[in-house]
Amino acid sequence: MNNATDVATITAKADREFPIFKEIESHLKARGKLNNIQIGWHCHLTAITAVAAKCLIAAGVDLYLSECTPATTEGSAVEQMRLEGATIYLGPDSPKRVLEHDPRVISDTGLVLIEAYIAATERESNDFRGASEITGSGISRLRSLETIGLPVVNLNDGVIKSKIENFHGVGDGLVEALDLVSKRSFSKETATVVGYGQVGAGAAHYLKRSGVNVKIAETDPVRALLAHYDGYELASLEEGMACGSLLVTATGQKFLISEALWQTACNDLTVVNLGHWQEEPNLDALEKVSKHQEKLSKGLSTYTLAKSGNKVHAYTGGAPANVALLTGSIEPTLLHLATEILTMDYLVDQGQNLDPGEQPLPYEIEKEVSRLALRALKP
């Protein structure tokens, strides 16, 4: 999405087809807990985010946003959110600048803002309520920290985020992204999905439904066993690189593919990342072992390997393709944003009563989002 009309189009589509944020806005205004509350939000700055930001601002929030990655930032969305009253910072220092506003609540994508808050102890406030994290990679990083010092609600493992947004939203978005960018069918061809969390499982499901022969590469034995019983052939990352038409990364790990492994890629391999980190497929390593790179469109670049001469087609500079291209139904993303916003409201109200460390998402929040969603879905 590249122009100002896109934000208006998405907003109108949401209001017309799935007006959950009208319900959320009325709900928040009736509660009145967010009026004049500073909230820091590290997120993808897209037209769909703008729908959620508008709701928060209407509820009285002083909203400060930092960008996850320039690859998913839409200029028109940033412009619109600023016009509506949000303060938005871009670039690598954007989380630090958000924290300068002393937010009461933090909502994070990848544990970037939370880690910056923990490091900036001089900015800690007695009125700080808590934080939330929406990604599996962020939760993994959270669990590796020795000291946390603040409550962090785990949104990623909630039903709506994992079973609807991660599975259906991302899977549907992948198939649409392939149609949009490659303009070819992968039906009856072989794809390897690397990682079998909810994102990988959703990708595999939607690819299989579109006629693709799907294999799963998963190092965790429990997830690998689950993939087997879900009907998928198991493979390795190395096998997926060497023989197949499509490689989908969904591990949430940075630098998954080494220079040596890139050199084994078969000719015309298409690589799409769905994990949070743009660095997951490690396109810098691919560039180092390539003799030529050609950018074919906003979403597609082709690399020619120096040794073999094989061509590798990489999507969206490594950024999660469904986010960078804004593909798939907007409903799952709106649902997880609704859950994120009601969690902000919950933290403002109850955060000071929570213990430091990882906290489960209260099921009552998901029930409330579901009630509002079902109401919005009625014709």
Protein backbone atom coordinates (compact mmCIF):
# COMPACT_ATOMS: atom_id res chain seq x y z
CA MET A 1 0.00 0.00 0.00
CA ASN A 2 1.57 3.23 -1.10
CA ASN A 3 -0.93 6.07 -1.12
CA ALA A 4 -3.18 7.95 1.27
CA THR A 5 -6.36 6.44 -0.13
CA ASP A 6 -5.27 3.00 1.07
CA VAL A 7 -5.82 3.90 4.73
CA ALA A 8 -9.28 5.22 3.96
CA THR A 9 -10.02 2.09 1.93
CA ILE A 10 -8.97 -0.25 4.74
CA THR A 11 -10.87 1.77 7.34
CA ALA A 12 -14.01 1.74 5.21
CA LYS A 13 -13.63 -2.00 4.59
CA ALA A 14 -13.27 -2.67 8.32
CA ASP A 15 -16.28 -0.49 9.17
CA ARG A 16 -18.37 -2.14 6.47
CA GLU A 17 -17.41 -5.80 6.74
CA PHE A 18 -16.17 -6.26 10.32
CA PRO A 19 -16.94 -3.22 12.49
CA ILE A 20 -15.42 -4.62 15.67
CA PHE A 21 -13.54 -1.42 16.44
CA LYS A 22 -16.77 0.53 16.59
CA GLU A 23 -17.76 -1.92 19.33
CA ILE A 24 -14.34 -1.65 21.01
CA GLU A 25 -14.41 2.15 20.95
CA SER A 26 -17.85 2.25 22.59
CA HIS A 27 -16.69 -0.31 25.17
CA LEU A 28 -13.56 1.69 26.08
CA LYS A 29 -15.37 5.00 26.25
CA ALA A 30 -17.99 3.49 28.56
CA ARG A 31 -15.27 2.19 30.90
CA GLY A 32 -13.31 5.44 30.76
CA LYS A 33 -10.07 3.89 32.04
CA LEU A 34 -7.83 5.05 29.15
CA ASN A 35 -8.52 8.77 29.19
CA ASN A 36 -5.22 10.72 29.30
CA ILE A 37 -3.20 7.50 29.73
CA GLN A 38 0.19 7.36 27.99
CA ILE A 39 0.65 4.13 26.03
CA GLY A 40 3.81 3.10 24.17
CA TRP A 41 3.28 0.72 21.26
CA HIS A 42 6.01 -0.96 19.20
CA CYS A 43 4.28 -2.36 16.13
CA HIS A 44 4.02 -2.64 12.37
CA LEU A 45 2.85 0.76 11.13
CA THR A 46 0.25 -0.33 8.60
CA ALA A 47 -3.20 0.76 7.49
CA ILE A 48 -4.75 -1.91 9.72
CA THR A 49 -2.80 -0.58 12.71
CA ALA A 50 -4.22 2.85 11.88
CA VAL A 51 -7.73 1.48 12.45
CA ALA A 52 -6.75 0.37 15.95
CA ALA A 53 -4.84 3.58 16.70
CA LYS A 54 -7.87 5.66 15.79
CA CYS A 55 -9.92 3.70 18.32
CA LEU A 56 -7.36 4.23 21.09
CA ILE A 57 -7.10 7.95 20.43
CA ALA A 58 -10.89 8.27 20.42
CA ALA A 59 -10.89 6.59 23.85
CA GLY A 60 -8.58 9.32 25.16
CA VAL A 61 -5.18 7.61 24.95
CA ASP A 62 -1.98 9.62 24.53
CA LEU A 63 -0.47 7.26 21.96
CA TYR A 64 3.25 6.91 21.17
CA LEU A 65 4.37 4.45 18.51
CA SER A 66 7.70 3.07 17.30
CA GLU A 67 8.20 1.04 14.12
CA CYS A 68 9.09 -2.64 13.99
CA THR A 69 10.86 -2.39 10.64
CA PRO A 70 10.89 0.08 7.75
CA ALA A 71 9.98 -2.82 5.45
CA THR A 72 6.43 -2.93 6.84
CA THR A 73 5.93 0.79 7.53
CA GLU A 74 3.36 2.45 5.27
CA GLY A 75 3.89 6.18 4.86
CA SER A 76 0.20 6.88 4.34
CA ALA A 77 -0.68 5.07 7.57
CA VAL A 78 1.93 7.03 9.51
CA GLU A 79 0.62 10.29 8.08
CA GLN A 80 -2.97 9.43 8.95
CA MET A 81 -2.16 8.36 12.52
CA ARG A 82 -0.20 11.55 13.09
CA LEU A 83 -3.12 13.62 11.79
CA GLU A 84 -5.38 11.89 14.29
CA GLY A 85 -3.07 12.70 17.19
CA ALA A 86 -0.59 9.84 17.55
CA THR A 87 3.10 10.57 18.09
CA ILE A 88 5.14 8.26 15.86
CA TYR A 89 8.89 7.69 15.77
CA LEU A 90 10.76 5.93 12.98
CA GLY A 91 14.21 4.38 12.84
CA PRO A 92 16.34 2.27 15.17
CA ASP A 93 16.13 4.72 18.08
CA SER A 94 12.33 4.93 17.94
CA PRO A 95 11.73 2.67 21.00
CA LYS A 96 14.01 4.85 23.11
CA ARG A 97 12.15 7.97 22.01
CA VAL A 98 8.79 6.41 22.90
CA LEU A 99 10.08 5.70 26.41
CA GLU A 100 10.99 9.36 26.86
CA HIS A 101 7.24 9.98 27.19
CA ASP A 102 7.09 7.75 30.29
CA PRO A 103 4.28 5.44 29.12
CA ARG A 104 2.08 3.80 31.75
CA VAL A 105 1.59 0.72 29.56
CA ILE A 106 3.77 -0.86 26.86
CA SER A 107 2.51 -3.08 24.05
CA ASP A 108 5.33 -4.80 22.21
CA THR A 109 6.17 -6.80 19.10
CA GLY A 110 9.42 -8.72 19.51
CA LEU A 111 10.28 -7.56 23.07
CA VAL A 112 12.12 -4.52 21.70
CA LEU A 113 10.33 -1.85 23.72
CA ILE A 114 10.20 -3.97 26.87
CA GLU A 115 13.94 -4.68 26.80
CA ALA A 116 14.62 -0.99 26.25
CA TYR A 117 12.41 -0.20 29.24
CA ILE A 118 14.20 -2.74 31.44
CA ALA A 119 17.59 -1.31 30.39
CA ALA A 120 16.50 2.29 31.04
CA THR A 121 16.04 1.90 34.79
CA GLU A 122 16.23 5.66 35.33
CA ARG A 123 12.91 5.99 33.51
CA GLU A 124 11.03 3.53 35.71
CA SER A 125 7.90 5.07 37.19
CA ASN A 126 5.83 4.20 40.23
CA ASP A 127 2.80 4.62 37.97
CA PHE A 128 3.94 2.07 35.39
CA ARG A 129 1.29 -0.64 35.06
CA GLY A 130 2.72 -3.34 32.82
CA ALA A 131 3.33 -4.60 29.29
CA SER A 132 2.19 -7.15 26.73
CA GLU A 133 4.00 -9.08 23.99
CA ILE A 134 2.36 -10.51 20.88
CA THR A 135 5.06 -12.63 19.20
CA GLY A 136 6.42 -16.07 19.93
CA SER A 137 9.98 -14.84 19.36
CA GLY A 138 9.38 -12.06 21.89
CA ILE A 139 8.03 -14.49 24.48
CA SER A 140 11.06 -16.76 23.95
CA ARG A 141 13.36 -13.81 24.60
CA LEU A 142 11.32 -12.84 27.66
CA ARG A 143 11.77 -16.31 29.14
CA SER A 144 15.53 -16.08 28.67
CA LEU A 145 15.85 -12.93 30.80
CA GLU A 146 17.16 -13.38 34.34
CA THR A 147 15.35 -10.35 35.73
CA ILE A 148 12.17 -8.85 34.31
CA GLY A 149 10.81 -6.54 37.00
CA LEU A 150 7.45 -5.88 35.34
CA PRO A 151 4.38 -7.93 34.44
CA VAL A 152 4.25 -8.94 30.77
CA VAL A 153 1.03 -10.45 29.42
CA ASN A 154 1.67 -13.20 26.86
CA LEU A 155 -0.71 -12.46 23.99
CA ASN A 156 0.96 -14.89 21.59
CA ASP A 157 -0.32 -17.98 23.39
CA GLY A 158 -3.88 -16.69 23.59
CA VAL A 159 -6.51 -18.50 21.54
CA ILE A 160 -7.31 -15.57 19.24
CA LYS A 161 -3.69 -14.72 18.43
CA SER A 162 -2.46 -18.28 18.01
CA LYS A 163 -5.45 -20.08 16.52
CA ILE A 164 -6.99 -17.30 14.43
CA GLU A 165 -4.40 -14.63 13.57
CA ASN A 166 -1.28 -16.81 13.47
CA PHE A 167 -2.93 -19.83 11.85
CA HIS A 168 -5.67 -18.50 9.60
CA GLY A 169 -4.58 -14.89 9.11
CA VAL A 170 -0.97 -15.64 8.21
CA GLY A 171 -1.77 -18.77 6.19
CA ASP A 172 -4.38 -17.00 4.10
CA GLY A 173 -2.03 -14.03 3.70
CA LEU A 174 0.77 -16.28 2.44
CA VAL A 175 -1.32 -17.77 -0.36
CA GLU A 176 -2.56 -14.34 -1.43
CA ALA A 177 1.01 -12.97 -1.32
CA LEU A 178 2.21 -15.76 -3.62
CA ASP A 179 -0.57 -15.02 -6.08
CA LEU A 180 0.08 -11.29 -5.91
CA VAL A 181 3.86 -11.29 -6.30
CA SER A 182 4.85 -14.45 -8.17
CA LYS A 183 1.76 -14.41 -10.40
CA ARG A 184 2.06 -18.17 -10.74
CA SER A 185 0.56 -21.20 -9.10
CA PHE A 186 2.60 -23.49 -6.87
CA SER A 187 -0.10 -26.16 -7.15
CA LYS A 188 1.37 -29.68 -7.47
CA GLU A 189 4.84 -28.29 -6.67
CA THR A 190 6.76 -28.96 -3.46
CA ALA A 191 7.06 -26.48 -0.60
CA THR A 192 8.95 -26.88 2.66
CA VAL A 193 7.61 -24.99 5.65
CA VAL A 194 10.34 -24.47 8.24
CA GLY A 195 8.88 -24.35 11.73
CA TYR A 196 5.62 -25.91 12.89
CA GLY A 197 4.27 -23.49 15.44
CA GLN A 198 0.87 -21.98 14.75
CA VAL A 199 2.27 -19.77 11.96
CA GLY A 200 3.97 -22.68 10.23
CA ALA A 201 0.97 -24.95 10.74
CA GLY A 202 -1.33 -22.33 9.22
CA ALA A 203 1.01 -21.81 6.28
CA ALA A 204 1.14 -25.56 5.66
CA HIS A 205 -2.65 -25.90 5.90
CA TYR A 206 -3.38 -23.11 3.43
CA LEU A 207 -0.68 -24.23 0.99
CA LYS A 208 -1.97 -27.80 1.08
CA ARG A 209 -5.52 -26.54 0.53
CA SER A 210 -4.33 -24.73 -2.61
CA GLY A 211 -2.85 -27.93 -4.04
CA VAL A 212 0.79 -27.63 -2.96
CA ASN A 213 2.75 -30.70 -1.84
CA VAL A 214 3.88 -29.59 1.62
CA LYS A 215 6.78 -30.90 3.70
CA ILE A 216 7.64 -29.75 7.22
CA ALA A 217 11.11 -29.06 8.62
CA GLU A 218 10.97 -28.89 12.41
CA THR A 219 13.75 -29.55 14.93
CA ASP A 220 11.46 -29.75 17.97
CA PRO A 221 10.47 -33.44 18.23
CA VAL A 222 7.02 -32.73 19.69
CA ARG A 223 6.10 -30.34 16.90
CA ALA A 224 7.61 -32.66 14.31
CA LEU A 225 5.47 -35.51 15.63
CA LEU A 226 2.39 -33.29 15.50
CA ALA A 227 3.19 -32.41 11.87
CA HIS A 228 3.45 -36.10 11.07
CA TYR A 229 0.03 -36.84 12.54
CA ASP A 230 -1.38 -33.81 10.75
CA GLY A 231 -0.47 -35.63 7.55
CA TYR A 232 2.77 -33.94 6.46
CA GLU A 233 5.99 -35.53 5.28
CA LEU A 234 8.95 -34.48 7.41
CA ALA A 235 12.09 -33.06 5.84
CA SER A 236 15.12 -31.03 6.85
CA LEU A 237 15.93 -27.42 6.08
CA GLU A 238 18.80 -28.68 3.94
CA GLU A 239 16.45 -30.87 1.90
CA GLY A 240 14.03 -27.99 1.48
CA MET A 241 16.80 -25.79 0.14
CA ALA A 242 18.14 -28.39 -2.26
CA CYS A 243 14.94 -29.73 -3.80
CA GLY A 244 11.71 -27.81 -3.96
CA SER A 245 9.99 -24.81 -5.49
CA LEU A 246 9.10 -22.92 -2.31
CA LEU A 247 10.68 -22.47 1.12
CA VAL A 248 8.61 -20.77 3.84
CA THR A 249 10.39 -19.78 7.05
CA ALA A 250 8.28 -19.55 10.20
CA THR A 251 10.61 -20.14 13.14
CA GLY A 252 10.93 -16.68 14.67
CA GLN A 253 14.72 -17.13 14.72
CA LYS A 254 17.25 -14.77 13.19
CA PHE A 255 19.88 -15.88 10.65
CA LEU A 256 18.30 -19.24 9.93
CA ILE A 257 20.13 -19.86 6.63
CA SER A 258 23.93 -19.63 6.48
CA GLU A 259 26.09 -18.62 3.51
CA ALA A 260 27.08 -22.25 3.01
CA LEU A 261 23.46 -23.38 3.02
CA TRP A 262 22.40 -20.67 0.57
CA GLN A 263 24.94 -22.04 -1.89
CA THR A 264 23.07 -25.36 -1.96
CA ALA A 265 19.79 -23.77 -3.09
CA CYS A 266 18.18 -25.36 -6.11
CA ASN A 267 17.40 -23.28 -9.18
CA ASP A 268 14.29 -21.08 -9.04
CA LEU A 269 13.72 -21.60 -5.32
CA THR A 270 11.27 -19.02 -3.94
CA VAL A 271 11.84 -18.02 -0.30
CA VAL A 272 9.16 -16.36 1.80
CA ASN A 273 9.50 -15.40 5.46
CA LEU A 274 6.53 -15.35 7.82
CA GLY A 275 8.50 -15.12 11.07
CA HIS A 276 8.71 -11.87 13.02
CA TRP A 277 12.34 -11.01 12.29
CA GLN A 278 13.31 -9.64 8.90
CA GLU A 279 16.69 -11.29 9.48
CA GLU A 280 15.20 -14.80 9.73
CA PRO A 281 16.05 -15.94 6.17
CA ASN A 282 19.36 -14.06 6.37
CA LEU A 283 19.30 -12.36 2.98
CA ASP A 284 22.59 -10.60 3.79
CA ALA A 285 24.23 -14.03 3.62
CA LEU A 286 22.44 -14.74 0.33
CA GLU A 287 23.71 -11.47 -1.10
CA LYS A 288 27.29 -12.34 -0.13
CA VAL A 289 27.23 -15.60 -2.10
CA SER A 290 25.45 -14.10 -5.12
CA LYS A 291 27.01 -12.52 -8.18
CA HIS A 292 23.91 -10.60 -9.19
CA GLN A 293 20.77 -9.23 -7.58
CA GLU A 294 17.76 -7.86 -9.42
CA LYS A 295 14.79 -6.19 -7.76
CA LEU A 296 11.81 -7.18 -9.87
CA SER A 297 9.12 -5.42 -7.82
CA LYS A 298 8.41 -4.05 -4.35
CA GLY A 299 7.87 -7.58 -3.13
CA LEU A 300 10.37 -9.66 -5.08
CA SER A 301 14.12 -9.78 -5.68
CA THR A 302 16.05 -12.42 -7.63
CA TYR A 303 19.58 -13.45 -6.64
CA THR A 304 21.96 -15.37 -8.91
CA LEU A 305 24.32 -17.58 -6.92
CA ALA A 306 27.98 -17.07 -7.78
CA LYS A 307 29.05 -20.72 -7.79
CA SER A 308 26.11 -22.58 -9.29
CA GLY A 309 24.39 -19.83 -11.24
CA ASN A 310 21.10 -20.94 -9.70
CA LYS A 311 18.47 -18.27 -9.12
CA VAL A 312 16.77 -17.65 -5.77
CA HIS A 313 13.65 -15.49 -5.53
CA ALA A 314 13.23 -13.74 -2.17
CA TYR A 315 10.09 -11.97 -0.96
CA THR A 316 9.82 -8.55 0.71
CA GLY A 317 13.45 -8.22 1.72
CA GLY A 318 12.94 -10.90 4.36
CA ALA A 319 10.17 -9.03 6.19
CA PRO A 320 7.07 -11.10 7.03
CA ALA A 321 5.38 -11.19 3.65
CA ASN A 322 1.76 -11.04 4.77
CA VAL A 323 2.49 -7.89 6.82
CA ALA A 324 4.70 -6.17 4.24
CA LEU A 325 2.16 -6.80 1.48
CA LEU A 326 -0.95 -6.52 3.69
CA THR A 327 -2.40 -9.71 2.24
CA GLY A 328 -5.10 -12.00 3.52
CA SER A 329 -8.36 -11.23 5.26
CA ILE A 330 -8.16 -8.25 7.62
CA GLU A 331 -10.45 -9.93 10.16
CA PRO A 332 -7.81 -12.07 11.98
CA THR A 333 -5.47 -9.07 12.32
CA LEU A 334 -8.28 -6.86 13.58
CA LEU A 335 -9.13 -9.57 16.12
CA HIS A 336 -5.63 -9.75 17.52
CA LEU A 337 -5.41 -5.94 17.61
CA ALA A 338 -8.71 -5.87 19.50
CA THR A 339 -7.26 -8.35 22.00
CA GLU A 340 -4.12 -6.22 22.29
CA ILE A 341 -6.17 -3.09 22.98
CA LEU A 342 -8.39 -4.70 25.61
CA THR A 343 -5.19 -5.98 27.24
CA MET A 344 -3.92 -2.38 27.40
CA ASP A 345 -7.17 -1.46 29.15
CA TYR A 346 -6.76 -4.42 31.52
CA LEU A 347 -3.19 -3.42 32.40
CA VAL A 348 -4.20 0.17 33.13
CA ASP A 349 -6.85 -1.16 35.51
CA GLN A 350 -5.13 -4.20 37.03
CA GLY A 351 -1.44 -4.08 36.10
CA GLN A 352 -0.25 -2.81 39.47
CA ASN A 353 -1.78 -5.90 41.09
CA LEU A 354 0.16 -8.32 38.87
CA ASP A 355 3.45 -9.97 39.79
CA PRO A 356 6.56 -9.27 37.68
CA GLY A 357 7.27 -11.73 34.88
CA GLU A 358 5.26 -13.51 32.23
CA GLN A 359 1.50 -13.46 32.79
CA PRO A 360 -1.17 -15.41 30.90
CA LEU A 361 -3.75 -13.52 28.90
CA PRO A 362 -6.96 -13.54 30.97
CA TYR A 363 -9.57 -15.66 29.21
CA GLU A 364 -12.20 -13.05 30.06
CA ILE A 365 -10.48 -10.66 27.63
CA GLU A 366 -10.72 -13.20 24.83
CA LYS A 367 -14.35 -13.89 25.69
CA GLU A 368 -15.12 -10.16 25.52
CA VAL A 369 -13.33 -9.79 22.17
CA SER A 370 -15.20 -12.83 20.87
CA ARG A 371 -18.56 -11.44 22.00
CA LEU A 372 -17.82 -8.14 20.27
CA ALA A 373 -16.58 -9.96 17.16
CA LEU A 374 -19.68 -12.12 16.90
CA ARG A 375 -21.81 -9.01 17.23
CA ALA A 376 -19.79 -7.30 14.49
CA LEU A 377 -20.15 -10.34 12.20
CA LYS A 378 -23.94 -10.24 12.27
CA PRO A 379 -25.43 -9.01 8.96
